[in-house]
Amino acid sequence: MDIIQDGERRQRLQELEEWLVDHRSEINVDGLLDMVQALVLDCNHPALRRTKNFDSFFTKYELSAQMIDECRMKPEDFIVIKTIGRGAFGEVQLVRKRSTQQVYAMKLLSKLEMVS
């Protein structure tokens, strides 16, 4: 951003950057990564892939979505210590992160139960 001479454009880019790193923002990095993965997954349907634009989008971003999935945090990154609660849509587990050994509560929700 140092090479941008236009002060107004620099200000807009700084504001966008703040939104991307703010975990409460609707356009934070995690939300945008979720969106890319969801769009790619939804576009990989035979009926949609017959449409040129959907097929082009899927072909272009399929590998990126796979890379995003491989890099993001997963349940396998944690060791389950014990289940500490159950509810109508899922359960809460006490877990330990493998890389840092920190302890967290992880909520696991069943999308099938929530949507039905």
PDB file of N, CA and C in Angstrom:
ATOM      1  N   MET A   1       0.824  -1.188   0.000  1.00  0.00           N
ATOM      2  CA  MET A   1       0.000   0.000   0.000  1.00  0.00           C
ATOM      3  C   MET A   1       0.870   1.255   0.000  1.00  0.00           C
ATOM      4  N   ASP A   2       2.166   1.108   0.197  1.00  0.00           N
ATOM      5  CA  ASP A   2       3.058   2.264   0.252  1.00  0.00           C
ATOM      6  C   ASP A   2       3.170   2.998  -1.083  1.00  0.00           C
ATOM      7  N   ILE A   3       2.948   2.318  -2.202  1.00  0.00           N
ATOM      8  CA  ILE A   3       3.132   2.947  -3.503  1.00  0.00           C
ATOM      9  C   ILE A   3       1.883   3.682  -3.986  1.00  0.00           C
ATOM     10  N   ILE A   4       0.782   3.630  -3.252  1.00  0.00           N
ATOM     11  CA  ILE A   4      -0.443   4.314  -3.652  1.00  0.00           C
ATOM     12  C   ILE A   4      -0.320   5.794  -3.312  1.00  0.00           C
ATOM     13  N   GLN A   5      -0.376   6.624  -4.364  1.00  0.00           N
ATOM     14  CA  GLN A   5      -0.206   8.055  -4.183  1.00  0.00           C
ATOM     15  C   GLN A   5      -1.523   8.763  -3.869  1.00  0.00           C
ATOM     16  N   ASP A   6      -2.640   8.229  -4.357  1.00  0.00           N
ATOM     17  CA  ASP A   6      -3.960   8.824  -4.172  1.00  0.00           C
ATOM     18  C   ASP A   6      -4.401   8.642  -2.714  1.00  0.00           C
ATOM     19  N   GLY A   7      -4.481   9.733  -1.969  1.00  0.00           N
ATOM     20  CA  GLY A   7      -4.821   9.679  -0.549  1.00  0.00           C
ATOM     21  C   GLY A   7      -6.201   9.108  -0.281  1.00  0.00           C
ATOM     22  N   GLU A   8      -7.174   9.466  -1.115  1.00  0.00           N
ATOM     23  CA  GLU A   8      -8.536   8.959  -0.932  1.00  0.00           C
ATOM     24  C   GLU A   8      -8.584   7.451  -1.153  1.00  0.00           C
ATOM     25  N   ARG A   9      -7.907   6.974  -2.189  1.00  0.00           N
ATOM     26  CA  ARG A   9      -7.865   5.523  -2.463  1.00  0.00           C
ATOM     27  C   ARG A   9      -7.143   4.795  -1.342  1.00  0.00           C
ATOM     28  N   ARG A  10      -6.057   5.363  -0.851  1.00  0.00           N
ATOM     29  CA  ARG A  10      -5.321   4.751   0.258  1.00  0.00           C
ATOM     30  C   ARG A  10      -6.231   4.608   1.484  1.00  0.00           C
ATOM     31  N   GLN A  11      -7.020   5.654   1.766  1.00  0.00           N
ATOM     32  CA  GLN A  11      -7.941   5.622   2.909  1.00  0.00           C
ATOM     33  C   GLN A  11      -8.975   4.516   2.737  1.00  0.00           C
ATOM     34  N   ARG A  12      -9.533   4.385   1.523  1.00  0.00           N
ATOM     35  CA  ARG A  12     -10.531   3.338   1.266  1.00  0.00           C
ATOM     36  C   ARG A  12      -9.924   1.954   1.415  1.00  0.00           C
ATOM     37  N   LEU A  13      -8.701   1.768   0.950  1.00  0.00           N
ATOM     38  CA  LEU A  13      -8.037   0.469   1.081  1.00  0.00           C
ATOM     39  C   LEU A  13      -7.718   0.146   2.540  1.00  0.00           C
ATOM     40  N   GLN A  14      -7.342   1.153   3.315  1.00  0.00           N
ATOM     41  CA  GLN A  14      -7.083   0.934   4.737  1.00  0.00           C
ATOM     42  C   GLN A  14      -8.370   0.532   5.460  1.00  0.00           C
ATOM     43  N   GLU A  15      -9.477   1.168   5.086  1.00  0.00           N
ATOM     44  CA  GLU A  15     -10.771   0.826   5.682  1.00  0.00           C
ATOM     45  C   GLU A  15     -11.156  -0.609   5.327  1.00  0.00           C
ATOM     46  N   LEU A  16     -10.957  -0.996   4.081  1.00  0.00           N
ATOM     47  CA  LEU A  16     -11.246  -2.365   3.654  1.00  0.00           C
ATOM     48  C   LEU A  16     -10.381  -3.362   4.405  1.00  0.00           C
ATOM     49  N   GLU A  17      -9.118  -3.028   4.571  1.00  0.00           N
ATOM     50  CA  GLU A  17      -8.199  -3.902   5.297  1.00  0.00           C
ATOM     51  C   GLU A  17      -8.643  -4.082   6.752  1.00  0.00           C
ATOM     52  N   GLU A  18      -9.117  -3.017   7.374  1.00  0.00           N
ATOM     53  CA  GLU A  18      -9.620  -3.112   8.746  1.00  0.00           C
ATOM     54  C   GLU A  18     -10.833  -4.029   8.823  1.00  0.00           C
ATOM     55  N   TRP A  19     -11.731  -3.944   7.840  1.00  0.00           N
ATOM     56  CA  TRP A  19     -12.903  -4.826   7.819  1.00  0.00           C
ATOM     57  C   TRP A  19     -12.477  -6.285   7.665  1.00  0.00           C
ATOM     58  N   LEU A  20     -11.461  -6.535   6.853  1.00  0.00           N
ATOM     59  CA  LEU A  20     -11.023  -7.906   6.607  1.00  0.00           C
ATOM     60  C   LEU A  20     -10.451  -8.565   7.853  1.00  0.00           C
ATOM     61  N   VAL A  21      -9.792  -7.795   8.715  1.00  0.00           N
ATOM     62  CA  VAL A  21      -9.177  -8.382   9.909  1.00  0.00           C
ATOM     63  C   VAL A  21     -10.074  -8.307  11.148  1.00  0.00           C
ATOM     64  N   ASP A  22     -11.176  -7.573  11.068  1.00  0.00           N
ATOM     65  CA  ASP A  22     -12.108  -7.449  12.202  1.00  0.00           C
ATOM     66  C   ASP A  22     -13.016  -8.672  12.240  1.00  0.00           C
ATOM     67  N   HIS A  23     -12.883  -9.511  13.283  1.00  0.00           N
ATOM     68  CA  HIS A  23     -13.663 -10.744  13.354  1.00  0.00           C
ATOM     69  C   HIS A  23     -15.165 -10.498  13.460  1.00  0.00           C
ATOM     70  N   ARG A  24     -15.586  -9.275  13.792  1.00  0.00           N
ATOM     71  CA  ARG A  24     -17.013  -8.950  13.865  1.00  0.00           C
ATOM     72  C   ARG A  24     -17.570  -8.454  12.542  1.00  0.00           C
ATOM     73  N   SER A  25     -16.721  -8.182  11.593  1.00  0.00           N
ATOM     74  CA  SER A  25     -17.135  -7.652  10.299  1.00  0.00           C
ATOM     75  C   SER A  25     -17.778  -8.744   9.442  1.00  0.00           C
ATOM     76  N   GLU A  26     -18.741  -8.341   8.635  1.00  0.00           N
ATOM     77  CA  GLU A  26     -19.391  -9.293   7.734  1.00  0.00           C
ATOM     78  C   GLU A  26     -18.469  -9.730   6.601  1.00  0.00           C
ATOM     79  N   ILE A  27     -17.451  -8.952   6.313  1.00  0.00           N
ATOM     80  CA  ILE A  27     -16.534  -9.320   5.236  1.00  0.00           C
ATOM     81  C   ILE A  27     -15.138  -9.641   5.770  1.00  0.00           C
ATOM     82  N   ASN A  28     -15.083 -10.276   6.938  1.00  0.00           N
ATOM     83  CA  ASN A  28     -13.770 -10.655   7.446  1.00  0.00           C
ATOM     84  C   ASN A  28     -13.219 -11.817   6.621  1.00  0.00           C
ATOM     85  N   VAL A  29     -11.949 -12.075   6.760  1.00  0.00           N
ATOM     86  CA  VAL A  29     -11.269 -13.078   5.945  1.00  0.00           C
ATOM     87  C   VAL A  29     -11.930 -14.450   6.081  1.00  0.00           C
ATOM     88  N   ASP A  30     -12.255 -14.872   7.296  1.00  0.00           N
ATOM     89  CA  ASP A  30     -12.875 -16.187   7.475  1.00  0.00           C
ATOM     90  C   ASP A  30     -14.219 -16.274   6.764  1.00  0.00           C
ATOM     91  N   GLY A  31     -14.999 -15.203   6.841  1.00  0.00           N
ATOM     92  CA  GLY A  31     -16.289 -15.194   6.155  1.00  0.00           C
ATOM     93  C   GLY A  31     -16.136 -15.276   4.646  1.00  0.00           C
ATOM     94  N   LEU A  32     -15.157 -14.562   4.108  1.00  0.00           N
ATOM     95  CA  LEU A  32     -14.922 -14.608   2.667  1.00  0.00           C
ATOM     96  C   LEU A  32     -14.421 -15.977   2.232  1.00  0.00           C
ATOM     97  N   LEU A  33     -13.573 -16.597   3.029  1.00  0.00           N
ATOM     98  CA  LEU A  33     -13.108 -17.950   2.703  1.00  0.00           C
ATOM     99  C   LEU A  33     -14.268 -18.944   2.745  1.00  0.00           C
ATOM    100  N   ASP A  34     -15.149 -18.810   3.749  1.00  0.00           N
ATOM    101  CA  ASP A  34     -16.350 -19.651   3.806  1.00  0.00           C
ATOM    102  C   ASP A  34     -17.185 -19.482   2.550  1.00  0.00           C
ATOM    103  N   MET A  35     -17.336 -18.227   2.119  1.00  0.00           N
ATOM    104  CA  MET A  35     -18.144 -17.931   0.948  1.00  0.00           C
ATOM    105  C   MET A  35     -17.553 -18.584  -0.304  1.00  0.00           C
ATOM    106  N   VAL A  36     -16.254 -18.490  -0.494  1.00  0.00           N
ATOM    107  CA  VAL A  36     -15.620 -19.102  -1.662  1.00  0.00           C
ATOM    108  C   VAL A  36     -15.851 -20.607  -1.650  1.00  0.00           C
ATOM    109  N   GLN A  37     -15.633 -21.237  -0.504  1.00  0.00           N
ATOM    110  CA  GLN A  37     -15.834 -22.679  -0.420  1.00  0.00           C
ATOM    111  C   GLN A  37     -17.284 -23.060  -0.709  1.00  0.00           C
ATOM    112  N   ALA A  38     -18.236 -22.320  -0.159  1.00  0.00           N
ATOM    113  CA  ALA A  38     -19.650 -22.625  -0.371  1.00  0.00           C
ATOM    114  C   ALA A  38     -20.046 -22.438  -1.833  1.00  0.00           C
ATOM    115  N   LEU A  39     -19.586 -21.360  -2.453  1.00  0.00           N
ATOM    116  CA  LEU A  39     -19.916 -21.122  -3.863  1.00  0.00           C
ATOM    117  C   LEU A  39     -19.358 -22.217  -4.762  1.00  0.00           C
ATOM    118  N   VAL A  40     -18.130 -22.601  -4.526  1.00  0.00           N
ATOM    119  CA  VAL A  40     -17.522 -23.651  -5.347  1.00  0.00           C
ATOM    120  C   VAL A  40     -18.279 -24.962  -5.150  1.00  0.00           C
ATOM    121  N   LEU A  41     -18.599 -25.289  -3.911  1.00  0.00           N
ATOM    122  CA  LEU A  41     -19.338 -26.520  -3.634  1.00  0.00           C
ATOM    123  C   LEU A  41     -20.707 -26.501  -4.310  1.00  0.00           C
ATOM    124  N   ASP A  42     -21.411 -25.375  -4.210  1.00  0.00           N
ATOM    125  CA  ASP A  42     -22.740 -25.271  -4.808  1.00  0.00           C
ATOM    126  C   ASP A  42     -22.695 -25.285  -6.338  1.00  0.00           C
ATOM    127  N   CYS A  43     -21.630 -24.780  -6.922  1.00  0.00           N
ATOM    128  CA  CYS A  43     -21.518 -24.759  -8.386  1.00  0.00           C
ATOM    129  C   CYS A  43     -21.149 -26.119  -8.964  1.00  0.00           C
ATOM    130  N   ASN A  44     -20.718 -27.037  -8.126  1.00  0.00           N
ATOM    131  CA  ASN A  44     -20.342 -28.368  -8.601  1.00  0.00           C
ATOM    132  C   ASN A  44     -21.563 -29.286  -8.610  1.00  0.00           C
ATOM    133  N   HIS A  45     -22.559 -28.903  -9.350  1.00  0.00           N
ATOM    134  CA  HIS A  45     -23.771 -29.704  -9.512  1.00  0.00           C
ATOM    135  C   HIS A  45     -23.962 -29.927 -11.004  1.00  0.00           C
ATOM    136  N   PRO A  46     -24.242 -31.159 -11.425  1.00  0.00           N
ATOM    137  CA  PRO A  46     -24.330 -31.441 -12.864  1.00  0.00           C
ATOM    138  C   PRO A  46     -25.262 -30.502 -13.633  1.00  0.00           C
ATOM    139  N   ALA A  47     -26.405 -30.168 -13.047  1.00  0.00           N
ATOM    140  CA  ALA A  47     -27.345 -29.281 -13.746  1.00  0.00           C
ATOM    141  C   ALA A  47     -26.759 -27.881 -13.924  1.00  0.00           C
ATOM    142  N   LEU A  48     -26.039 -27.388 -12.917  1.00  0.00           N
ATOM    143  CA  LEU A  48     -25.425 -26.060 -13.009  1.00  0.00           C
ATOM    144  C   LEU A  48     -24.199 -26.065 -13.911  1.00  0.00           C
ATOM    145  N   ARG A  49     -23.444 -27.150 -13.875  1.00  0.00           N
ATOM    146  CA  ARG A  49     -22.197 -27.221 -14.657  1.00  0.00           C
ATOM    147  C   ARG A  49     -22.467 -27.201 -16.154  1.00  0.00           C
ATOM    148  N   ARG A  50     -23.711 -27.491 -16.569  1.00  0.00           N
ATOM    149  CA  ARG A  50     -24.046 -27.405 -17.993  1.00  0.00           C
ATOM    150  C   ARG A  50     -24.069 -25.953 -18.474  1.00  0.00           C
ATOM    151  N   THR A  51     -24.204 -25.026 -17.524  1.00  0.00           N
ATOM    152  CA  THR A  51     -24.162 -23.604 -17.860  1.00  0.00           C
ATOM    153  C   THR A  51     -22.703 -23.163 -17.888  1.00  0.00           C
ATOM    154  N   LYS A  52     -22.314 -22.501 -18.966  1.00  0.00           N
ATOM    155  CA  LYS A  52     -20.914 -22.139 -19.181  1.00  0.00           C
ATOM    156  C   LYS A  52     -20.321 -21.336 -18.023  1.00  0.00           C
ATOM    157  N   ASN A  53     -21.041 -20.337 -17.520  1.00  0.00           N
ATOM    158  CA  ASN A  53     -20.494 -19.487 -16.459  1.00  0.00           C
ATOM    159  C   ASN A  53     -20.267 -20.258 -15.166  1.00  0.00           C
ATOM    160  N   PHE A  54     -21.198 -21.141 -14.811  1.00  0.00           N
ATOM    161  CA  PHE A  54     -21.019 -21.945 -13.602  1.00  0.00           C
ATOM    162  C   PHE A  54     -19.833 -22.883 -13.759  1.00  0.00           C
ATOM    163  N   ASP A  55     -19.738 -23.527 -14.930  1.00  0.00           N
ATOM    164  CA  ASP A  55     -18.636 -24.452 -15.158  1.00  0.00           C
ATOM    165  C   ASP A  55     -17.295 -23.725 -15.138  1.00  0.00           C
ATOM    166  N   SER A  56     -17.247 -22.547 -15.751  1.00  0.00           N
ATOM    167  CA  SER A  56     -16.003 -21.760 -15.754  1.00  0.00           C
ATOM    168  C   SER A  56     -15.607 -21.352 -14.336  1.00  0.00           C
ATOM    169  N   PHE A  57     -16.581 -20.906 -13.542  1.00  0.00           N
ATOM    170  CA  PHE A  57     -16.305 -20.509 -12.161  1.00  0.00           C
ATOM    171  C   PHE A  57     -15.769 -21.703 -11.374  1.00  0.00           C
ATOM    172  N   PHE A  58     -16.456 -22.846 -11.487  1.00  0.00           N
ATOM    173  CA  PHE A  58     -16.031 -24.029 -10.740  1.00  0.00           C
ATOM    174  C   PHE A  58     -14.623 -24.445 -11.156  1.00  0.00           C
ATOM    175  N   THR A  59     -14.375 -24.497 -12.457  1.00  0.00           N
ATOM    176  CA  THR A  59     -13.067 -24.911 -12.952  1.00  0.00           C
ATOM    177  C   THR A  59     -11.967 -23.971 -12.451  1.00  0.00           C
ATOM    178  N   LYS A  60     -12.265 -22.685 -12.440  1.00  0.00           N
ATOM    179  CA  LYS A  60     -11.263 -21.702 -12.028  1.00  0.00           C
ATOM    180  C   LYS A  60     -10.941 -21.778 -10.536  1.00  0.00           C
ATOM    181  N   TYR A  61     -11.951 -22.022  -9.694  1.00  0.00           N
ATOM    182  CA  TYR A  61     -11.751 -21.919  -8.247  1.00  0.00           C
ATOM    183  C   TYR A  61     -11.757 -23.253  -7.494  1.00  0.00           C
ATOM    184  N   GLU A  62     -11.910 -24.366  -8.185  1.00  0.00           N
ATOM    185  CA  GLU A  62     -11.947 -25.667  -7.515  1.00  0.00           C
ATOM    186  C   GLU A  62     -10.677 -25.928  -6.702  1.00  0.00           C
ATOM    187  N   LEU A  63      -9.533 -25.729  -7.299  1.00  0.00           N
ATOM    188  CA  LEU A  63      -8.265 -25.971  -6.611  1.00  0.00           C
ATOM    189  C   LEU A  63      -8.078 -25.004  -5.440  1.00  0.00           C
ATOM    190  N   SER A  64      -8.465 -23.745  -5.634  1.00  0.00           N
ATOM    191  CA  SER A  64      -8.351 -22.764  -4.551  1.00  0.00           C
ATOM    192  C   SER A  64      -9.210 -23.166  -3.362  1.00  0.00           C
ATOM    193  N   ALA A  65     -10.424 -23.644  -3.623  1.00  0.00           N
ATOM    194  CA  ALA A  65     -11.311 -24.072  -2.538  1.00  0.00           C
ATOM    195  C   ALA A  65     -10.720 -25.265  -1.801  1.00  0.00           C
ATOM    196  N   GLN A  66     -10.083 -26.172  -2.524  1.00  0.00           N
ATOM    197  CA  GLN A  66      -9.432 -27.319  -1.879  1.00  0.00           C
ATOM    198  C   GLN A  66      -8.264 -26.860  -1.012  1.00  0.00           C
ATOM    199  N   MET A  67      -7.497 -25.902  -1.510  1.00  0.00           N
ATOM    200  CA  MET A  67      -6.363 -25.382  -0.734  1.00  0.00           C
ATOM    201  C   MET A  67      -6.849 -24.681   0.529  1.00  0.00           C
ATOM    202  N   ILE A  68      -7.940 -23.915   0.404  1.00  0.00           N
ATOM    203  CA  ILE A  68      -8.525 -23.247   1.571  1.00  0.00           C
ATOM    204  C   ILE A  68      -8.931 -24.287   2.600  1.00  0.00           C
ATOM    205  N   ASP A  69      -9.596 -25.347   2.142  1.00  0.00           N
ATOM    206  CA  ASP A  69     -10.064 -26.394   3.046  1.00  0.00           C
ATOM    207  C   ASP A  69      -8.902 -27.076   3.774  1.00  0.00           C
ATOM    208  N   GLU A  70      -7.820 -27.326   3.061  1.00  0.00           N
ATOM    209  CA  GLU A  70      -6.660 -27.981   3.670  1.00  0.00           C
ATOM    210  C   GLU A  70      -5.974 -27.107   4.717  1.00  0.00           C
ATOM    211  N   CYS A  71      -6.013 -25.788   4.538  1.00  0.00           N
ATOM    212  CA  CYS A  71      -5.305 -24.876   5.430  1.00  0.00           C
ATOM    213  C   CYS A  71      -6.113 -24.458   6.650  1.00  0.00           C
ATOM    214  N   ARG A  72      -7.434 -24.557   6.567  1.00  0.00           N
ATOM    215  CA  ARG A  72      -8.267 -24.062   7.663  1.00  0.00           C
ATOM    216  C   ARG A  72      -8.300 -25.042   8.827  1.00  0.00           C
ATOM    217  N   MET A  73      -8.677 -24.533   9.987  1.00  0.00           N
ATOM    218  CA  MET A  73      -8.754 -25.348  11.183  1.00  0.00           C
ATOM    219  C   MET A  73      -9.866 -26.383  11.025  1.00  0.00           C
ATOM    220  N   LYS A  74      -9.599 -27.598  11.522  1.00  0.00           N
ATOM    221  CA  LYS A  74     -10.545 -28.707  11.409  1.00  0.00           C
ATOM    222  C   LYS A  74     -10.686 -29.389  12.773  1.00  0.00           C
ATOM    223  N   PRO A  75     -11.738 -30.170  12.936  1.00  0.00           N
ATOM    224  CA  PRO A  75     -11.876 -30.929  14.189  1.00  0.00           C
ATOM    225  C   PRO A  75     -10.676 -31.843  14.457  1.00  0.00           C
ATOM    226  N   GLU A  76     -10.012 -32.314  13.384  1.00  0.00           N
ATOM    227  CA  GLU A  76      -8.843 -33.194  13.550  1.00  0.00           C
ATOM    228  C   GLU A  76      -7.653 -32.476  14.183  1.00  0.00           C
ATOM    229  N   ASP A  77      -7.715 -31.147  14.244  1.00  0.00           N
ATOM    230  CA  ASP A  77      -6.636 -30.376  14.874  1.00  0.00           C
ATOM    231  C   ASP A  77      -6.737 -30.416  16.401  1.00  0.00           C
ATOM    232  N   PHE A  78      -7.773 -31.073  16.915  1.00  0.00           N
ATOM    233  CA  PHE A  78      -8.037 -31.108  18.350  1.00  0.00           C
ATOM    234  C   PHE A  78      -8.156 -32.543  18.845  1.00  0.00           C
ATOM    235  N   ILE A  79      -7.803 -32.726  20.100  1.00  0.00           N
ATOM    236  CA  ILE A  79      -7.988 -33.998  20.789  1.00  0.00           C
ATOM    237  C   ILE A  79      -9.186 -33.833  21.717  1.00  0.00           C
ATOM    238  N   VAL A  80     -10.168 -34.723  21.586  1.00  0.00           N
ATOM    239  CA  VAL A  80     -11.352 -34.635  22.442  1.00  0.00           C
ATOM    240  C   VAL A  80     -10.997 -35.162  23.823  1.00  0.00           C
ATOM    241  N   ILE A  81     -11.248 -34.342  24.839  1.00  0.00           N
ATOM    242  CA  ILE A  81     -11.013 -34.749  26.220  1.00  0.00           C
ATOM    243  C   ILE A  81     -12.272 -35.419  26.759  1.00  0.00           C
ATOM    244  N   LYS A  82     -13.418 -34.728  26.618  1.00  0.00           N
ATOM    245  CA  LYS A  82     -14.694 -35.324  26.996  1.00  0.00           C
ATOM    246  C   LYS A  82     -15.839 -34.448  26.502  1.00  0.00           C
ATOM    247  N   THR A  83     -17.015 -35.039  26.435  1.00  0.00           N
ATOM    248  CA  THR A  83     -18.222 -34.293  26.082  1.00  0.00           C
ATOM    249  C   THR A  83     -18.753 -33.640  27.347  1.00  0.00           C
ATOM    250  N   ILE A  84     -19.014 -32.329  27.263  1.00  0.00           N
ATOM    251  CA  ILE A  84     -19.472 -31.619  28.468  1.00  0.00           C
ATOM    252  C   ILE A  84     -20.917 -31.149  28.356  1.00  0.00           C
ATOM    253  N   GLY A  85     -21.565 -31.422  27.226  1.00  0.00           N
ATOM    254  CA  GLY A  85     -22.972 -31.047  27.104  1.00  0.00           C
ATOM    255  C   GLY A  85     -23.576 -31.557  25.818  1.00  0.00           C
ATOM    256  N   ARG A  86     -24.888 -31.826  25.870  1.00  0.00           N
ATOM    257  CA  ARG A  86     -25.628 -32.265  24.685  1.00  0.00           C
ATOM    258  C   ARG A  86     -26.892 -31.434  24.574  1.00  0.00           C
ATOM    259  N   GLY A  87     -27.284 -31.182  23.324  1.00  0.00           N
ATOM    260  CA  GLY A  87     -28.495 -30.419  23.085  1.00  0.00           C
ATOM    261  C   GLY A  87     -29.251 -30.992  21.908  1.00  0.00           C
ATOM    262  N   ALA A  88     -30.299 -30.297  21.502  1.00  0.00           N
ATOM    263  CA  ALA A  88     -31.144 -30.779  20.416  1.00  0.00           C
ATOM    264  C   ALA A  88     -30.401 -30.812  19.079  1.00  0.00           C
ATOM    265  N   PHE A  89     -29.435 -29.911  18.876  1.00  0.00           N
ATOM    266  CA  PHE A  89     -28.773 -29.804  17.585  1.00  0.00           C
ATOM    267  C   PHE A  89     -27.322 -30.266  17.587  1.00  0.00           C
ATOM    268  N   GLY A  90     -26.807 -30.702  18.718  1.00  0.00           N
ATOM    269  CA  GLY A  90     -25.416 -31.124  18.740  1.00  0.00           C
ATOM    270  C   GLY A  90     -24.893 -31.294  20.140  1.00  0.00           C
ATOM    271  N   GLU A  91     -23.581 -31.143  20.275  1.00  0.00           N
ATOM    272  CA  GLU A  91     -22.951 -31.315  21.578  1.00  0.00           C
ATOM    273  C   GLU A  91     -21.778 -30.364  21.736  1.00  0.00           C
ATOM    274  N   VAL A  92     -21.348 -30.209  22.984  1.00  0.00           N
ATOM    275  CA  VAL A  92     -20.182 -29.386  23.308  1.00  0.00           C
ATOM    276  C   VAL A  92     -19.135 -30.317  23.893  1.00  0.00           C
ATOM    277  N   GLN A  93     -17.921 -30.224  23.338  1.00  0.00           N
ATOM    278  CA  GLN A  93     -16.833 -31.076  23.797  1.00  0.00           C
ATOM    279  C   GLN A  93     -15.702 -30.230  24.358  1.00  0.00           C
ATOM    280  N   LEU A  94     -15.063 -30.757  25.380  1.00  0.00           N
ATOM    281  CA  LEU A  94     -13.841 -30.168  25.903  1.00  0.00           C
ATOM    282  C   LEU A  94     -12.713 -30.750  25.055  1.00  0.00           C
ATOM    283  N   VAL A  95     -11.910 -29.887  24.418  1.00  0.00           N
ATOM    284  CA  VAL A  95     -10.872 -30.344  23.494  1.00  0.00           C
ATOM    285  C   VAL A  95      -9.545 -29.660  23.798  1.00  0.00           C
ATOM    286  N   ARG A  96      -8.480 -30.272  23.306  1.00  0.00           N
ATOM    287  CA  ARG A  96      -7.136 -29.696  23.428  1.00  0.00           C
ATOM    288  C   ARG A  96      -6.568 -29.546  22.026  1.00  0.00           C
ATOM    289  N   LYS A  97      -6.110 -28.350  21.699  1.00  0.00           N
ATOM    290  CA  LYS A  97      -5.518 -28.112  20.386  1.00  0.00           C
ATOM    291  C   LYS A  97      -4.171 -28.812  20.320  1.00  0.00           C
ATOM    292  N   ARG A  98      -3.990 -29.625  19.289  1.00  0.00           N
ATOM    293  CA  ARG A  98      -2.769 -30.437  19.170  1.00  0.00           C
ATOM    294  C   ARG A  98      -1.499 -29.583  19.121  1.00  0.00           C
ATOM    295  N   SER A  99      -1.533 -28.474  18.400  1.00  0.00           N
ATOM    296  CA  SER A  99      -0.311 -27.697  18.194  1.00  0.00           C
ATOM    297  C   SER A  99       0.107 -26.867  19.399  1.00  0.00           C
ATOM    298  N   THR A 100      -0.863 -26.383  20.197  1.00  0.00           N
ATOM    299  CA  THR A 100      -0.517 -25.493  21.306  1.00  0.00           C
ATOM    300  C   THR A 100      -0.815 -26.083  22.678  1.00  0.00           C
ATOM    301  N   GLN A 101      -1.544 -27.176  22.719  1.00  0.00           N
ATOM    302  CA  GLN A 101      -1.962 -27.834  23.964  1.00  0.00           C
ATOM    303  C   GLN A 101      -2.947 -26.991  24.774  1.00  0.00           C
ATOM    304  N   GLN A 102      -3.493 -25.926  24.193  1.00  0.00           N
ATOM    305  CA  GLN A 102      -4.490 -25.124  24.891  1.00  0.00           C
ATOM    306  C   GLN A 102      -5.829 -25.858  24.884  1.00  0.00           C
ATOM    307  N   VAL A 103      -6.623 -25.619  25.931  1.00  0.00           N
ATOM    308  CA  VAL A 103      -7.911 -26.283  26.078  1.00  0.00           C
ATOM    309  C   VAL A 103      -9.030 -25.334  25.663  1.00  0.00           C
ATOM    310  N   TYR A 104     -10.004 -25.873  24.914  1.00  0.00           N
ATOM    311  CA  TYR A 104     -11.144 -25.103  24.417  1.00  0.00           C
ATOM    312  C   TYR A 104     -12.424 -25.914  24.574  1.00  0.00           C
ATOM    313  N   ALA A 105     -13.552 -25.227  24.469  1.00  0.00           N
ATOM    314  CA  ALA A 105     -14.843 -25.887  24.331  1.00  0.00           C
ATOM    315  C   ALA A 105     -15.210 -25.784  22.861  1.00  0.00           C
ATOM    316  N   MET A 106     -15.544 -26.918  22.259  1.00  0.00           N
ATOM    317  CA  MET A 106     -15.906 -26.941  20.843  1.00  0.00           C
ATOM    318  C   MET A 106     -17.361 -27.365  20.708  1.00  0.00           C
ATOM    319  N   LYS A 107     -18.138 -26.521  20.032  1.00  0.00           N
ATOM    320  CA  LYS A 107     -19.536 -26.841  19.793  1.00  0.00           C
ATOM    321  C   LYS A 107     -19.646 -27.518  18.434  1.00  0.00           C
ATOM    322  N   LEU A 108     -20.222 -28.710  18.424  1.00  0.00           N
ATOM    323  CA  LEU A 108     -20.446 -29.453  17.188  1.00  0.00           C
ATOM    324  C   LEU A 108     -21.938 -29.462  16.913  1.00  0.00           C
ATOM    325  N   LEU A 109     -22.333 -28.905  15.767  1.00  0.00           N
ATOM    326  CA  LEU A 109     -23.744 -28.807  15.426  1.00  0.00           C
ATOM    327  C   LEU A 109     -24.064 -29.692  14.234  1.00  0.00           C
ATOM    328  N   SER A 110     -25.253 -30.282  14.242  1.00  0.00           N
ATOM    329  CA  SER A 110     -25.708 -31.086  13.129  1.00  0.00           C
ATOM    330  C   SER A 110     -26.525 -30.202  12.200  1.00  0.00           C
ATOM    331  N   LYS A 111     -26.013 -29.932  11.008  1.00  0.00           N
ATOM    332  CA  LYS A 111     -26.733 -29.113  10.055  1.00  0.00           C
ATOM    333  C   LYS A 111     -28.052 -29.780   9.670  1.00  0.00           C
ATOM    334  N   LEU A 112     -28.028 -31.103   9.565  1.00  0.00           N
ATOM    335  CA  LEU A 112     -29.239 -31.845   9.200  1.00  0.00           C
ATOM    336  C   LEU A 112     -30.347 -31.598  10.202  1.00  0.00           C
ATOM    337  N   GLU A 113     -30.022 -31.627  11.497  1.00  0.00           N
ATOM    338  CA  GLU A 113     -31.032 -31.390  12.536  1.00  0.00           C
ATOM    339  C   GLU A 113     -31.484 -29.930  12.560  1.00  0.00           C
ATOM    340  N   MET A 114     -30.594 -29.013  12.271  1.00  0.00           N
ATOM    341  CA  MET A 114     -30.938 -27.596  12.323  1.00  0.00           C
ATOM    342  C   MET A 114     -31.831 -27.175  11.151  1.00  0.00           C
ATOM    343  N   VAL A 115     -31.593 -27.764   9.978  1.00  0.00           N
ATOM    344  CA  VAL A 115     -32.309 -27.386   8.773  1.00  0.00           C
ATOM    345  C   VAL A 115     -33.664 -28.083   8.670  1.00  0.00           C
ATOM    346  N   SER A 116     -33.751 -29.285   9.170  1.00  0.00           N
ATOM    347  CA  SER A 116     -34.989 -30.088   9.036  1.00  0.00           C
ATOM    348  C   SER A 116     -36.174 -29.429   9.678  1.00  0.00           C
TER     349      SER A 116
END
